[in-house]
Every structure is written in C-alpha cells, then in structure tokens.
C-alpha cells in the first residue's frame, strides 16, 4: 500500500518532539482499519502508543481536489 515499514517508528519519534495535544493527520487512500493494522508492529517492537500526538485518519487521494474538499477525520474503524 506504499507505507514504509518504519512508519510507526517515525510517528513515535515525532511524538517525542511535539507538544501535548498535537495532531498528526494521515491523508491517503489506505482505509483507516488497514492503517491501524499497519501501525501495529508484528515484529519484536511494542504497539505504537503516543503521549503527545492524536492521530487523525483521512481517507482519500491528496492530489484530487474533491477529496480535499470533503476531508474529515475518521477513527480506526473508519467511522467519522
């Protein structure tokens, strides 16, 4: 689906640098439930837990204007 294998590592690192209450918006065509699955490491690492970041999922194509116009966040189950 085009995601880097270390996406969870990058988010965890970002979480260390931002203020509490910050939001990270993930806007791509991967459905939210699949994203949640991808962020769960199946290797030797622990599950991604953020202290300062809230992850907001948006499903769509960032180069299509109509997707940008209807942008809204969804939870891990794909519900707004």
Protein backbone atom coordinates (compact mmCIF):
# COMPACT_ATOMS: atom_id res chain seq x y z
CA UNK A 1 0.00 0.00 0.00
CA UNK A 2 3.04 2.27 -0.21
CA UNK A 3 3.70 2.67 3.50
CA UNK A 4 7.21 2.47 4.88
CA UNK A 5 7.78 -0.41 7.27
CA UNK A 6 9.07 2.04 9.89
CA UNK A 7 6.04 4.35 9.84
CA UNK A 8 5.25 3.54 13.49
CA UNK A 9 8.86 4.32 14.44
CA UNK A 10 8.67 7.70 12.68
CA UNK A 11 5.40 8.57 14.43
CA UNK A 12 6.83 7.54 17.82
CA UNK A 13 9.87 9.75 17.19
CA UNK A 14 7.67 12.69 16.15
CA UNK A 15 5.61 12.19 19.32
CA UNK A 16 8.72 12.91 21.39
CA UNK A 17 9.23 16.34 19.77
CA UNK A 18 5.72 17.82 19.67
CA UNK A 19 3.63 19.45 22.37
CA UNK A 20 0.86 17.56 24.12
CA UNK A 21 -2.41 17.89 22.20
CA UNK A 22 -0.74 17.96 18.76
CA UNK A 23 -2.46 16.21 15.86
CA UNK A 24 -0.94 14.12 13.09
CA UNK A 25 -3.23 13.90 10.06
CA UNK A 26 -2.68 10.85 7.85
CA UNK A 27 -4.31 11.58 4.49
CA UNK A 28 -4.03 8.76 1.97
CA UNK A 29 -6.03 6.07 0.19
CA UNK A 30 -5.35 3.31 2.75
CA UNK A 31 -8.59 2.64 4.69
CA UNK A 32 -8.41 3.54 8.40
CA UNK A 33 -8.79 -0.06 9.68
CA UNK A 34 -5.90 -1.15 7.43
CA UNK A 35 -3.77 1.77 8.70
CA UNK A 36 -4.39 0.74 12.30
CA UNK A 37 -3.28 -2.78 11.37
CA UNK A 38 -0.15 -1.49 9.63
CA UNK A 39 0.82 0.62 12.65
CA UNK A 40 0.73 -2.45 14.89
CA UNK A 41 4.17 -3.98 14.65
CA UNK A 42 4.17 -7.73 14.23
CA UNK A 43 7.90 -7.92 14.89
CA UNK A 44 9.78 -7.52 18.14
CA UNK A 45 8.53 -3.99 18.82
CA UNK A 46 5.71 -2.91 21.11
CA UNK A 47 2.43 -1.47 19.89
CA UNK A 48 2.50 2.24 18.93
CA UNK A 49 1.36 4.42 21.83
CA UNK A 50 1.55 8.21 21.55
CA UNK A 51 1.54 10.57 24.51
CA UNK A 52 1.52 13.94 22.78
CA UNK A 53 0.00 13.16 19.38
CA UNK A 54 -3.54 12.36 18.37
CA UNK A 55 -3.59 10.52 15.05
CA UNK A 56 -6.37 11.64 12.70
CA UNK A 57 -7.11 9.43 9.68
CA UNK A 58 -8.46 10.82 6.44
CA UNK A 59 -9.18 8.53 3.52
CA UNK A 60 -8.70 9.98 0.05
CA UNK A 61 -6.22 10.96 -2.58
CA UNK A 62 -4.33 14.14 -1.65
CA UNK A 63 -3.93 15.18 -5.30
CA UNK A 64 -7.67 15.09 -6.07
CA UNK A 65 -9.45 18.35 -5.26
CA UNK A 66 -12.82 16.77 -4.43
CA UNK A 67 -11.12 14.57 -1.82
CA UNK A 68 -9.51 17.66 -0.29
CA UNK A 69 -12.87 19.47 -0.23
CA UNK A 70 -14.65 16.66 1.64
CA UNK A 71 -11.81 15.97 4.06
CA UNK A 72 -12.86 14.84 7.56
CA UNK A 73 -11.19 12.63 10.11
CA UNK A 74 -12.23 9.03 10.78
CA UNK A 75 -11.38 6.73 13.67
CA UNK A 76 -9.52 3.41 13.43
CA UNK A 77 -12.73 1.63 12.45
CA UNK A 78 -13.34 4.04 9.55
CA UNK A 79 -16.17 5.99 11.22
CA UNK A 80 -16.20 9.84 11.24
